């Protein structure tokens, strides 16, 4: 493996995935929400840059191709678990999150079973849009959890009643929920497409 800039960005994104959870361990809210949001957005931006730079500089590698989707899924899964917990287990959030987690586990298991044959199934543009939709939705939901915490916090002296906190929190949360449902639909479609294309590779070889 060569330590070029695209691979370094990918590794840093993988390290950032558990870092999102660590923010809530070492910082008080809403600071934890803001730091987690900043870390998540920074990592999401590198998801575009590492692939772009690898292609532009002709530094594409098997290591990067292997680690890039793992880093993406780690970021998404860890962030969704955190958001679901801090959102009071909202059923309107749990259902799309369940669809996303089920698809990611199913496809990961399918790829592992197919082994070398999984390389024959190329990543589609819709799958890339799926990942983008997931990350945008998660960023907006993190914004919503941070604003919602401010809304519930008793105002300190001189702050007044924070009249805009509730409206902004509601707006961000409802927008984030709409986006996560869109992401879940795209996730389900791409999961089915991957399974459908893998069916010829799953057929038992004929005897003789």
N, C-alpha and C. Protein backbone atom coordinates (compact mmCIF):
# COMPACT_ATOMS: atom_id res chain seq x y z
N UNK A 1 0.84 -1.20 0.00
CA UNK A 1 0.00 0.00 0.00
C UNK A 1 0.87 1.25 0.00
N UNK A 2 0.53 2.22 -0.84
CA UNK A 2 1.25 3.48 -0.90
C UNK A 2 0.50 4.55 -0.12
N UNK A 3 1.27 5.30 0.70
CA UNK A 3 0.65 6.35 1.51
C UNK A 3 0.59 7.65 0.72
N UNK A 4 -0.30 7.68 -0.28
CA UNK A 4 -0.53 8.91 -1.01
C UNK A 4 -1.68 9.67 -0.35
N UNK A 5 -1.91 10.90 -0.80
CA UNK A 5 -2.92 11.75 -0.17
C UNK A 5 -4.33 11.15 -0.23
N UNK A 6 -4.79 10.59 -1.36
CA UNK A 6 -6.13 10.00 -1.37
C UNK A 6 -6.30 8.89 -0.33
N UNK A 7 -5.29 8.02 -0.18
CA UNK A 7 -5.38 6.95 0.81
C UNK A 7 -5.35 7.49 2.24
N UNK A 8 -4.55 8.54 2.46
CA UNK A 8 -4.50 9.15 3.79
C UNK A 8 -5.87 9.74 4.16
N UNK A 9 -6.52 10.42 3.21
CA UNK A 9 -7.84 10.98 3.46
C UNK A 9 -8.85 9.89 3.79
N UNK A 10 -8.76 8.77 3.09
CA UNK A 10 -9.68 7.66 3.34
C UNK A 10 -9.47 7.09 4.73
N UNK A 11 -8.20 6.92 5.13
CA UNK A 11 -7.90 6.39 6.46
C UNK A 11 -8.38 7.36 7.54
N UNK A 12 -8.16 8.66 7.33
CA UNK A 12 -8.63 9.66 8.30
C UNK A 12 -10.14 9.64 8.43
N UNK A 13 -10.85 9.42 7.30
CA UNK A 13 -12.31 9.34 7.36
C UNK A 13 -12.76 8.12 8.16
N UNK A 14 -12.03 7.02 8.02
CA UNK A 14 -12.36 5.83 8.80
C UNK A 14 -12.14 6.08 10.29
N UNK A 15 -11.06 6.78 10.64
CA UNK A 15 -10.79 7.10 12.04
C UNK A 15 -11.83 8.08 12.58
N UNK A 16 -12.32 8.97 11.72
CA UNK A 16 -13.31 9.97 12.15
C UNK A 16 -14.65 9.34 12.50
N UNK A 17 -14.94 8.16 11.95
CA UNK A 17 -16.24 7.52 12.19
C UNK A 17 -16.50 7.30 13.68
N UNK A 18 -15.63 6.60 14.42
CA UNK A 18 -15.86 6.49 15.87
C UNK A 18 -15.65 7.81 16.60
N UNK A 19 -14.90 8.73 15.96
CA UNK A 19 -14.70 10.03 16.57
C UNK A 19 -16.00 10.80 16.76
N UNK A 20 -16.97 10.56 15.88
CA UNK A 20 -18.27 11.20 16.02
C UNK A 20 -18.92 10.81 17.34
N UNK A 21 -18.80 9.53 17.70
CA UNK A 21 -19.37 9.07 18.97
C UNK A 21 -18.58 9.60 20.16
N UNK A 22 -17.27 9.72 20.01
CA UNK A 22 -16.41 10.19 21.09
C UNK A 22 -16.76 11.62 21.49
N UNK A 23 -17.25 12.41 20.53
CA UNK A 23 -17.63 13.79 20.84
C UNK A 23 -18.64 13.85 21.99
N UNK A 24 -19.55 12.86 22.02
CA UNK A 24 -20.60 12.86 23.05
C UNK A 24 -20.09 12.30 24.37
N UNK A 25 -18.89 11.72 24.35
CA UNK A 25 -18.30 11.19 25.57
C UNK A 25 -17.50 12.26 26.32
N UNK A 26 -16.87 13.17 25.58
CA UNK A 26 -15.95 14.13 26.19
C UNK A 26 -16.47 15.57 26.22
N UNK A 27 -17.58 15.84 25.53
CA UNK A 27 -18.11 17.21 25.49
C UNK A 27 -19.56 17.24 25.93
N UNK A 28 -19.92 18.35 26.55
CA UNK A 28 -21.32 18.57 26.93
C UNK A 28 -22.13 18.96 25.71
N UNK A 29 -23.41 18.63 25.74
CA UNK A 29 -24.28 19.09 24.67
C UNK A 29 -24.70 20.54 24.95
N UNK A 30 -24.92 21.36 23.91
CA UNK A 30 -24.94 21.01 22.48
C UNK A 30 -23.57 21.03 21.80
N UNK A 31 -22.48 21.29 22.59
CA UNK A 31 -21.17 21.33 21.95
C UNK A 31 -20.84 20.01 21.27
N UNK A 32 -21.24 18.91 21.89
CA UNK A 32 -20.99 17.60 21.30
C UNK A 32 -21.68 17.48 19.94
N UNK A 33 -22.91 18.00 19.85
CA UNK A 33 -23.65 17.96 18.59
C UNK A 33 -22.93 18.77 17.51
N UNK A 34 -22.46 19.97 17.89
CA UNK A 34 -21.79 20.84 16.90
C UNK A 34 -20.46 20.23 16.46
N UNK A 35 -19.70 19.69 17.41
CA UNK A 35 -18.41 19.08 17.05
C UNK A 35 -18.63 17.83 16.19
N UNK A 36 -19.65 17.04 16.55
CA UNK A 36 -19.95 15.84 15.75
C UNK A 36 -20.39 16.24 14.35
N UNK A 37 -21.19 17.29 14.26
CA UNK A 37 -21.63 17.79 12.95
C UNK A 37 -20.44 18.26 12.12
N UNK A 38 -19.54 19.03 12.74
CA UNK A 38 -18.37 19.53 12.02
C UNK A 38 -17.48 18.39 11.56
N UNK A 39 -17.26 17.41 12.43
CA UNK A 39 -16.42 16.27 12.07
C UNK A 39 -17.05 15.45 10.96
N UNK A 40 -18.36 15.26 11.04
CA UNK A 40 -19.06 14.46 10.03
C UNK A 40 -19.01 15.16 8.67
N UNK A 41 -19.26 16.47 8.65
CA UNK A 41 -19.23 17.21 7.38
C UNK A 41 -17.82 17.18 6.78
N UNK A 42 -16.81 17.37 7.62
CA UNK A 42 -15.44 17.34 7.13
C UNK A 42 -15.11 15.98 6.51
N UNK A 43 -15.51 14.91 7.19
CA UNK A 43 -15.27 13.56 6.68
C UNK A 43 -16.04 13.32 5.39
N UNK A 44 -17.29 13.82 5.33
CA UNK A 44 -18.10 13.63 4.13
C UNK A 44 -17.48 14.35 2.93
N UNK A 45 -16.90 15.53 3.16
CA UNK A 45 -16.25 16.26 2.07
C UNK A 45 -15.04 15.49 1.55
N UNK A 46 -14.28 14.87 2.46
CA UNK A 46 -13.11 14.10 2.02
C UNK A 46 -13.53 12.89 1.18
N UNK A 47 -14.77 12.43 1.35
CA UNK A 47 -15.24 11.30 0.56
C UNK A 47 -15.25 11.65 -0.92
N UNK A 48 -15.52 12.91 -1.22
CA UNK A 48 -15.49 13.35 -2.62
C UNK A 48 -14.05 13.61 -3.07
N UNK A 49 -13.26 14.24 -2.19
CA UNK A 49 -11.90 14.64 -2.56
C UNK A 49 -10.97 13.45 -2.78
N UNK A 50 -11.08 12.41 -1.93
CA UNK A 50 -10.11 11.32 -2.09
C UNK A 50 -10.30 10.59 -3.41
N UNK A 51 -11.56 10.37 -3.81
CA UNK A 51 -11.81 9.73 -5.10
C UNK A 51 -11.40 10.62 -6.27
N UNK A 52 -11.71 11.91 -6.16
CA UNK A 52 -11.37 12.85 -7.23
C UNK A 52 -9.85 12.94 -7.41
N UNK A 53 -9.13 13.06 -6.30
CA UNK A 53 -7.68 13.19 -6.38
C UNK A 53 -7.04 11.90 -6.88
N UNK A 54 -7.59 10.76 -6.44
CA UNK A 54 -7.02 9.48 -6.88
C UNK A 54 -7.13 9.33 -8.40
N UNK A 55 -8.28 9.77 -8.95
CA UNK A 55 -8.45 9.68 -10.40
C UNK A 55 -7.62 10.73 -11.12
N UNK A 56 -7.60 11.95 -10.61
CA UNK A 56 -6.87 13.04 -11.27
C UNK A 56 -5.37 12.81 -11.26
N UNK A 57 -4.86 12.25 -10.16
CA UNK A 57 -3.42 12.04 -10.03
C UNK A 57 -3.01 10.62 -10.41
N UNK A 58 -3.99 9.83 -10.90
CA UNK A 58 -3.72 8.43 -11.27
C UNK A 58 -3.10 7.66 -10.11
N UNK A 59 -3.71 7.83 -8.93
CA UNK A 59 -3.23 7.16 -7.73
C UNK A 59 -4.26 6.18 -7.18
N UNK A 60 -5.14 5.69 -8.04
CA UNK A 60 -6.14 4.71 -7.62
C UNK A 60 -5.43 3.41 -7.20
N UNK A 61 -5.91 2.80 -6.14
CA UNK A 61 -5.27 1.60 -5.62
C UNK A 61 -6.32 0.62 -5.11
N UNK A 62 -5.91 -0.64 -4.99
CA UNK A 62 -6.80 -1.67 -4.43
C UNK A 62 -7.12 -1.36 -2.98
N UNK A 63 -6.13 -0.83 -2.24
CA UNK A 63 -6.35 -0.48 -0.84
C UNK A 63 -7.43 0.60 -0.71
N UNK A 64 -7.33 1.64 -1.53
CA UNK A 64 -8.32 2.71 -1.49
C UNK A 64 -9.69 2.22 -1.90
N UNK A 65 -9.74 1.38 -2.95
CA UNK A 65 -11.02 0.85 -3.42
C UNK A 65 -11.68 -0.02 -2.37
N UNK A 66 -10.86 -0.72 -1.57
CA UNK A 66 -11.40 -1.56 -0.51
C UNK A 66 -11.86 -0.74 0.69
N UNK A 67 -11.04 0.23 1.10
CA UNK A 67 -11.31 0.96 2.33
C UNK A 67 -12.35 2.05 2.18
N UNK A 68 -12.48 2.64 1.00
CA UNK A 68 -13.40 3.77 0.80
C UNK A 68 -14.84 3.43 1.18
N UNK A 69 -15.45 2.33 0.65
CA UNK A 69 -16.83 2.03 1.05
C UNK A 69 -16.95 1.64 2.52
N UNK A 70 -15.90 1.05 3.09
CA UNK A 70 -15.94 0.70 4.52
C UNK A 70 -16.00 1.97 5.36
N UNK A 71 -15.19 2.96 5.01
CA UNK A 71 -15.19 4.23 5.73
C UNK A 71 -16.55 4.92 5.62
N UNK A 72 -17.13 4.91 4.42
CA UNK A 72 -18.44 5.52 4.22
C UNK A 72 -19.50 4.87 5.10
N UNK A 73 -19.51 3.54 5.10
CA UNK A 73 -20.53 2.82 5.86
C UNK A 73 -20.33 2.97 7.36
N UNK A 74 -19.06 3.02 7.80
CA UNK A 74 -18.80 3.23 9.22
C UNK A 74 -19.31 4.60 9.67
N UNK A 75 -19.05 5.63 8.86
CA UNK A 75 -19.53 6.96 9.17
C UNK A 75 -21.05 6.99 9.29
N UNK A 76 -21.72 6.40 8.29
CA UNK A 76 -23.18 6.43 8.24
C UNK A 76 -23.79 5.64 9.39
N UNK A 77 -23.31 4.43 9.61
CA UNK A 77 -23.90 3.55 10.64
C UNK A 77 -23.72 4.15 12.03
N UNK A 78 -22.50 4.57 12.37
CA UNK A 78 -22.25 5.12 13.70
C UNK A 78 -23.07 6.39 13.92
N UNK A 79 -23.10 7.28 12.93
CA UNK A 79 -23.87 8.52 13.07
C UNK A 79 -25.36 8.25 13.24
N UNK A 80 -25.91 7.30 12.49
CA UNK A 80 -27.33 6.99 12.59
C UNK A 80 -27.68 6.41 13.96
N UNK A 81 -26.81 5.58 14.51
CA UNK A 81 -27.05 5.02 15.85
C UNK A 81 -27.10 6.13 16.88
N UNK A 82 -26.15 7.07 16.80
CA UNK A 82 -26.12 8.19 17.74
C UNK A 82 -27.36 9.06 17.62
N UNK A 83 -27.71 9.41 16.38
CA UNK A 83 -28.86 10.29 16.16
C UNK A 83 -30.15 9.63 16.62
N UNK A 84 -30.30 8.34 16.35
CA UNK A 84 -31.52 7.63 16.77
C UNK A 84 -31.65 7.64 18.29
N UNK A 85 -30.54 7.42 18.99
CA UNK A 85 -30.58 7.42 20.44
C UNK A 85 -30.92 8.78 21.02
N UNK A 86 -30.31 9.84 20.47
CA UNK A 86 -30.54 11.19 21.00
C UNK A 86 -31.84 11.81 20.48
N UNK A 87 -32.50 11.13 19.57
CA UNK A 87 -33.80 11.64 19.08
C UNK A 87 -34.97 10.99 19.79
N UNK A 88 -34.70 10.29 20.88
CA UNK A 88 -35.78 9.69 21.65
C UNK A 88 -36.42 8.50 20.97
N UNK A 89 -35.65 7.79 20.13
CA UNK A 89 -36.16 6.61 19.44
C UNK A 89 -37.43 6.91 18.65
N UNK A 90 -37.42 8.02 17.94
CA UNK A 90 -38.55 8.44 17.11
C UNK A 90 -38.85 7.36 16.06
N UNK A 91 -40.08 6.80 16.05
CA UNK A 91 -40.39 5.73 15.08
C UNK A 91 -40.28 6.18 13.63
N UNK A 92 -40.50 7.48 13.37
CA UNK A 92 -40.37 7.98 12.00
C UNK A 92 -38.91 8.02 11.56
N UNK A 93 -38.01 7.94 12.53
CA UNK A 93 -36.59 7.86 12.24
C UNK A 93 -36.11 6.41 12.26
N UNK A 94 -36.65 5.62 13.19
CA UNK A 94 -36.20 4.24 13.34
C UNK A 94 -36.44 3.42 12.08
N UNK A 95 -37.61 3.62 11.43
CA UNK A 95 -37.94 2.80 10.26
C UNK A 95 -36.96 3.02 9.10
N UNK A 96 -36.71 4.26 8.65
CA UNK A 96 -35.74 4.43 7.56
C UNK A 96 -34.33 4.02 7.97
N UNK A 97 -33.97 4.25 9.23
CA UNK A 97 -32.65 3.82 9.70
C UNK A 97 -32.52 2.30 9.64
N UNK A 98 -33.60 1.60 10.00
CA UNK A 98 -33.60 0.14 9.92
C UNK A 98 -33.39 -0.33 8.49
N UNK A 99 -34.06 0.33 7.54
CA UNK A 99 -33.90 -0.03 6.13
C UNK A 99 -32.45 0.17 5.69
N UNK A 100 -31.87 1.28 6.09
CA UNK A 100 -30.49 1.57 5.70
C UNK A 100 -29.51 0.56 6.31
N UNK A 101 -29.66 0.28 7.61
CA UNK A 101 -28.76 -0.66 8.27
C UNK A 101 -28.91 -2.06 7.71
N UNK A 102 -30.17 -2.47 7.45
CA UNK A 102 -30.40 -3.81 6.90
C UNK A 102 -29.74 -3.95 5.54
N UNK A 103 -29.90 -2.94 4.69
CA UNK A 103 -29.31 -3.01 3.36
C UNK A 103 -27.79 -3.09 3.42
N UNK A 104 -27.18 -2.26 4.28
CA UNK A 104 -25.73 -2.24 4.35
C UNK A 104 -25.18 -3.57 4.86
N UNK A 105 -25.83 -4.16 5.86
CA UNK A 105 -25.39 -5.45 6.38
C UNK A 105 -25.60 -6.54 5.33
N UNK A 106 -26.75 -6.51 4.65
CA UNK A 106 -27.06 -7.52 3.65
C UNK A 106 -26.07 -7.48 2.49
N UNK A 107 -25.81 -6.29 1.97
CA UNK A 107 -24.90 -6.15 0.83
C UNK A 107 -23.47 -6.49 1.24
N UNK A 108 -23.07 -6.10 2.46
CA UNK A 108 -21.72 -6.43 2.93
C UNK A 108 -21.55 -7.95 3.01
N UNK A 109 -22.57 -8.64 3.54
CA UNK A 109 -22.51 -10.08 3.61
C UNK A 109 -22.50 -10.73 2.24
N UNK A 110 -23.27 -10.17 1.32
CA UNK A 110 -23.32 -10.69 -0.04
C UNK A 110 -21.98 -10.52 -0.74
N UNK A 111 -21.36 -9.36 -0.55
CA UNK A 111 -20.05 -9.13 -1.16
C UNK A 111 -19.00 -10.09 -0.60
N UNK A 112 -19.08 -10.34 0.71
CA UNK A 112 -18.14 -11.27 1.32
C UNK A 112 -18.32 -12.68 0.75
N UNK A 113 -19.57 -13.09 0.56
CA UNK A 113 -19.84 -14.42 0.02
C UNK A 113 -19.35 -14.54 -1.43
N UNK A 114 -19.56 -13.48 -2.21
CA UNK A 114 -19.15 -13.52 -3.61
C UNK A 114 -17.64 -13.48 -3.78
N UNK A 115 -16.96 -12.91 -2.81
CA UNK A 115 -15.51 -12.87 -2.88
C UNK A 115 -15.02 -12.06 -4.07
N UNK A 116 -14.15 -12.68 -4.88
CA UNK A 116 -13.58 -11.99 -6.03
C UNK A 116 -14.63 -11.62 -7.05
N UNK A 117 -15.74 -12.37 -7.10
CA UNK A 117 -16.79 -12.08 -8.07
C UNK A 117 -17.51 -10.78 -7.77
N UNK A 118 -17.41 -10.30 -6.53
CA UNK A 118 -18.10 -9.05 -6.18
C UNK A 118 -17.55 -7.87 -6.98
N UNK A 119 -16.30 -7.99 -7.45
CA UNK A 119 -15.72 -6.93 -8.26
C UNK A 119 -16.38 -6.76 -9.60
N UNK A 120 -17.16 -7.76 -10.02
CA UNK A 120 -17.87 -7.67 -11.29
C UNK A 120 -19.09 -6.76 -11.19
N UNK A 121 -19.51 -6.47 -9.96
CA UNK A 121 -20.69 -5.63 -9.75
C UNK A 121 -20.23 -4.21 -9.45
N UNK A 122 -20.27 -3.37 -10.45
CA UNK A 122 -19.76 -2.01 -10.34
C UNK A 122 -20.72 -1.12 -9.55
N UNK A 123 -20.13 -0.12 -8.90
CA UNK A 123 -20.93 0.87 -8.18
C UNK A 123 -21.65 1.76 -9.19
N UNK A 124 -22.96 1.91 -9.02
CA UNK A 124 -23.75 2.71 -9.96
C UNK A 124 -23.81 4.17 -9.49
N UNK A 125 -24.23 5.04 -10.41
CA UNK A 125 -24.41 6.45 -10.06
C UNK A 125 -25.49 6.62 -8.99
N UNK A 126 -26.54 5.77 -9.08
CA UNK A 126 -27.60 5.85 -8.07
C UNK A 126 -27.06 5.51 -6.69
N UNK A 127 -26.14 4.55 -6.61
CA UNK A 127 -25.55 4.20 -5.33
C UNK A 127 -24.75 5.36 -4.76
N UNK A 128 -24.08 6.12 -5.64
CA UNK A 128 -23.34 7.29 -5.17
C UNK A 128 -24.30 8.38 -4.68
N UNK A 129 -25.43 8.54 -5.38
CA UNK A 129 -26.44 9.49 -4.92
C UNK A 129 -27.03 9.04 -3.58
N UNK A 130 -27.16 7.73 -3.42
CA UNK A 130 -27.65 7.17 -2.15
C UNK A 130 -26.75 7.58 -1.00
N UNK A 131 -25.44 7.43 -1.18
CA UNK A 131 -24.49 7.80 -0.14
C UNK A 131 -24.54 9.30 0.15
N UNK A 132 -24.65 10.11 -0.90
CA UNK A 132 -24.75 11.55 -0.72
C UNK A 132 -26.01 11.92 0.06
N UNK A 133 -27.14 11.30 -0.29
CA UNK A 133 -28.40 11.57 0.40
C UNK A 133 -28.31 11.19 1.87
N UNK A 134 -27.68 10.06 2.17
CA UNK A 134 -27.51 9.64 3.55
C UNK A 134 -26.72 10.67 4.34
N UNK A 135 -25.61 11.13 3.77
CA UNK A 135 -24.74 12.04 4.50
C UNK A 135 -25.37 13.42 4.70
N UNK A 136 -26.07 13.90 3.69
CA UNK A 136 -26.76 15.19 3.85
C UNK A 136 -27.85 15.08 4.91
N UNK A 137 -28.61 14.00 4.87
CA UNK A 137 -29.68 13.79 5.85
C UNK A 137 -29.11 13.73 7.27
N UNK A 138 -28.01 13.00 7.44
CA UNK A 138 -27.40 12.87 8.76
C UNK A 138 -26.91 14.23 9.27
N UNK A 139 -26.30 15.02 8.40
CA UNK A 139 -25.82 16.34 8.80
C UNK A 139 -26.97 17.22 9.28
N UNK A 140 -28.09 17.20 8.54
CA UNK A 140 -29.25 18.01 8.93
C UNK A 140 -29.84 17.50 10.25
N UNK A 141 -29.88 16.19 10.43
CA UNK A 141 -30.41 15.63 11.68
C UNK A 141 -29.52 15.97 12.86
N UNK A 142 -28.20 15.98 12.68
CA UNK A 142 -27.30 16.42 13.75
C UNK A 142 -27.59 17.88 14.11
N UNK A 143 -27.84 18.70 13.10
CA UNK A 143 -28.20 20.09 13.36
C UNK A 143 -29.48 20.16 14.17
N UNK A 144 -30.44 19.32 13.83
CA UNK A 144 -31.71 19.29 14.55
C UNK A 144 -31.55 18.88 16.00
N UNK A 145 -30.70 17.87 16.28
CA UNK A 145 -30.52 17.44 17.67
C UNK A 145 -29.86 18.53 18.51
N UNK A 146 -28.91 19.24 17.89
CA UNK A 146 -28.26 20.32 18.62
C UNK A 146 -29.20 21.47 18.93
N UNK A 147 -30.00 21.85 17.96
CA UNK A 147 -30.98 22.93 18.18
C UNK A 147 -32.07 22.50 19.16
N UNK A 148 -32.46 21.23 19.09
CA UNK A 148 -33.49 20.74 20.01
C UNK A 148 -32.98 20.76 21.45
N UNK A 149 -31.69 20.46 21.65
CA UNK A 149 -31.13 20.51 23.00
C UNK A 149 -31.15 21.94 23.53
N UNK A 150 -30.82 22.90 22.67
CA UNK A 150 -30.89 24.30 23.09
C UNK A 150 -32.31 24.70 23.45
N UNK A 151 -33.26 24.16 22.70
CA UNK A 151 -34.67 24.48 22.95
C UNK A 151 -35.12 23.99 24.32
N UNK A 152 -34.64 22.80 24.72
CA UNK A 152 -35.05 22.23 26.00
C UNK A 152 -34.30 22.84 27.17
N UNK A 153 -33.09 23.38 26.91
CA UNK A 153 -32.27 23.92 27.99
C UNK A 153 -32.87 25.20 28.54
N UNK A 154 -32.99 25.29 29.84
CA UNK A 154 -33.47 26.55 30.43
C UNK A 154 -32.55 27.70 30.04
N UNK A 155 -33.09 28.84 29.62
CA UNK A 155 -32.24 29.96 29.21
C UNK A 155 -31.43 30.51 30.37
N UNK A 156 -30.18 30.89 30.08
CA UNK A 156 -29.35 31.50 31.10
C UNK A 156 -29.67 32.99 31.18
N UNK A 157 -29.16 33.62 32.20
CA UNK A 157 -29.44 35.03 32.43
C UNK A 157 -29.01 35.84 31.21
N UNK A 158 -29.92 36.69 30.73
CA UNK A 158 -29.62 37.56 29.62
C UNK A 158 -29.91 36.95 28.26
N UNK A 159 -30.28 35.64 28.21
CA UNK A 159 -30.52 35.00 26.92
C UNK A 159 -31.96 35.12 26.47
N UNK A 160 -32.85 35.49 27.37
CA UNK A 160 -34.26 35.54 26.99
C UNK A 160 -34.83 34.13 26.88
N UNK A 161 -35.84 33.97 26.08
CA UNK A 161 -36.53 32.68 25.98
C UNK A 161 -36.14 31.90 24.73
N UNK A 162 -35.07 32.31 24.03
CA UNK A 162 -34.64 31.62 22.82
C UNK A 162 -35.81 31.35 21.87
N UNK A 163 -36.51 32.38 21.44
CA UNK A 163 -37.74 32.18 20.67
C UNK A 163 -37.52 31.49 19.33
N UNK A 164 -36.32 31.63 18.74
CA UNK A 164 -36.12 31.03 17.42
C UNK A 164 -35.61 29.60 17.49
N UNK A 165 -35.20 29.15 18.71
CA UNK A 165 -34.64 27.81 18.82
C UNK A 165 -35.62 26.73 18.43
N UNK A 166 -36.86 26.83 18.93
CA UNK A 166 -37.85 25.79 18.67
C UNK A 166 -38.16 25.70 17.19
N UNK A 167 -38.37 26.81 16.54
CA UNK A 167 -38.75 26.79 15.14
C UNK A 167 -37.61 26.25 14.27
N UNK A 168 -36.39 26.64 14.57
CA UNK A 168 -35.25 26.14 13.81
C UNK A 168 -35.05 24.64 14.04
N UNK A 169 -35.22 24.20 15.29
CA UNK A 169 -35.06 22.78 15.60
C UNK A 169 -36.11 21.95 14.87
N UNK A 170 -37.35 22.43 14.91
CA UNK A 170 -38.42 21.70 14.22
C UNK A 170 -38.17 21.64 12.72
N UNK A 171 -37.74 22.77 12.15
CA UNK A 171 -37.49 22.82 10.72
C UNK A 171 -36.38 21.85 10.32
N UNK A 172 -35.28 21.90 11.07
CA UNK A 172 -34.15 21.02 10.76
C UNK A 172 -34.52 19.56 10.94
N UNK A 173 -35.26 19.25 12.01
CA UNK A 173 -35.63 17.86 12.28
C UNK A 173 -36.56 17.31 11.21
N UNK A 174 -37.60 18.08 10.85
CA UNK A 174 -38.54 17.61 9.84
C UNK A 174 -37.88 17.51 8.46
N UNK A 175 -37.02 18.45 8.15
CA UNK A 175 -36.30 18.39 6.88
C UNK A 175 -35.35 17.19 6.86
N UNK A 176 -34.68 16.97 7.99
CA UNK A 176 -33.79 15.82 8.09
C UNK A 176 -34.54 14.51 7.98
N UNK A 177 -35.72 14.42 8.58
CA UNK A 177 -36.53 13.19 8.48
C UNK A 177 -36.96 12.94 7.03
N UNK A 178 -37.35 14.01 6.34
CA UNK A 178 -37.73 13.86 4.93
C UNK A 178 -36.55 13.36 4.11
N UNK A 179 -35.36 13.91 4.37
CA UNK A 179 -34.17 13.50 3.64
C UNK A 179 -33.78 12.06 3.95
N UNK A 180 -33.92 11.64 5.22
CA UNK A 180 -33.52 10.28 5.58
C UNK A 180 -34.48 9.26 4.97
N UNK A 181 -35.76 9.63 4.79
CA UNK A 181 -36.69 8.75 4.10
C UNK A 181 -36.31 8.62 2.63
N UNK A 182 -35.93 9.74 2.01
CA UNK A 182 -35.47 9.68 0.62
C UNK A 182 -34.23 8.80 0.52
N UNK A 183 -33.30 8.99 1.46
CA UNK A 183 -32.08 8.17 1.47
C UNK A 183 -32.41 6.70 1.66
N UNK A 184 -33.40 6.40 2.52
CA UNK A 184 -33.77 5.00 2.77
C UNK A 184 -34.36 4.37 1.51
N UNK A 185 -35.17 5.13 0.79
CA UNK A 185 -35.75 4.61 -0.46
C UNK A 185 -34.66 4.33 -1.48
N UNK A 186 -33.73 5.27 -1.65
CA UNK A 186 -32.61 5.05 -2.56
C UNK A 186 -31.76 3.86 -2.11
N UNK A 187 -31.59 3.73 -0.80
CA UNK A 187 -30.80 2.63 -0.26
C UNK A 187 -31.46 1.29 -0.58
N UNK A 188 -32.78 1.22 -0.41
CA UNK A 188 -33.50 -0.03 -0.70
C UNK A 188 -33.43 -0.36 -2.19
N UNK A 189 -33.58 0.65 -3.04
CA UNK A 189 -33.53 0.43 -4.50
C UNK A 189 -32.16 -0.09 -4.91
N UNK A 190 -31.10 0.54 -4.42
CA UNK A 190 -29.75 0.11 -4.79
C UNK A 190 -29.43 -1.26 -4.22
N UNK A 191 -29.96 -1.56 -3.04
CA UNK A 191 -29.75 -2.89 -2.46
C UNK A 191 -30.40 -3.98 -3.29
N UNK A 192 -31.63 -3.73 -3.73
CA UNK A 192 -32.32 -4.69 -4.59
C UNK A 192 -31.59 -4.83 -5.93
N UNK A 193 -31.11 -3.72 -6.47
CA UNK A 193 -30.40 -3.76 -7.74
C UNK A 193 -29.12 -4.59 -7.61
N UNK A 194 -28.41 -4.42 -6.51
CA UNK A 194 -27.19 -5.18 -6.29
C UNK A 194 -27.51 -6.68 -6.17
N UNK A 195 -28.57 -7.01 -5.43
CA UNK A 195 -28.96 -8.41 -5.27
C UNK A 195 -29.38 -9.01 -6.61
N UNK A 196 -30.16 -8.25 -7.39
CA UNK A 196 -30.63 -8.74 -8.69
C UNK A 196 -29.46 -9.04 -9.62
N UNK A 197 -28.48 -8.14 -9.64
CA UNK A 197 -27.34 -8.34 -10.51
C UNK A 197 -26.43 -9.47 -10.03
N UNK A 198 -26.51 -9.80 -8.74
CA UNK A 198 -25.66 -10.86 -8.21
C UNK A 198 -26.26 -12.25 -8.40
N UNK A 199 -27.54 -12.33 -8.77
CA UNK A 199 -28.20 -13.63 -8.88
C UNK A 199 -27.47 -14.59 -9.83
N UNK A 200 -27.02 -14.14 -11.01
CA UNK A 200 -26.28 -15.09 -11.87
C UNK A 200 -25.03 -15.66 -11.21
N UNK A 201 -24.43 -14.90 -10.31
CA UNK A 201 -23.22 -15.36 -9.63
C UNK A 201 -23.53 -16.29 -8.47
N UNK A 202 -24.80 -16.35 -8.07
CA UNK A 202 -25.20 -17.19 -6.95
C UNK A 202 -25.72 -18.56 -7.37
N UNK A 203 -25.88 -18.75 -8.68
CA UNK A 203 -26.42 -20.01 -9.17
C UNK A 203 -25.42 -21.14 -8.94
N UNK A 204 -25.97 -22.30 -8.57
CA UNK A 204 -25.14 -23.48 -8.36
C UNK A 204 -24.57 -23.96 -9.68
N UNK A 205 -23.29 -24.35 -9.75
CA UNK A 205 -22.74 -24.86 -10.99
C UNK A 205 -23.39 -26.20 -11.36
N UNK A 206 -23.57 -26.42 -12.64
CA UNK A 206 -24.20 -27.66 -13.10
C UNK A 206 -23.22 -28.83 -12.96
N UNK A 207 -23.76 -29.99 -12.58
CA UNK A 207 -22.94 -31.20 -12.46
C UNK A 207 -22.46 -31.66 -13.81
N UNK A 208 -21.28 -32.22 -13.85
CA UNK A 208 -20.76 -32.76 -15.09
C UNK A 208 -20.22 -31.72 -16.00
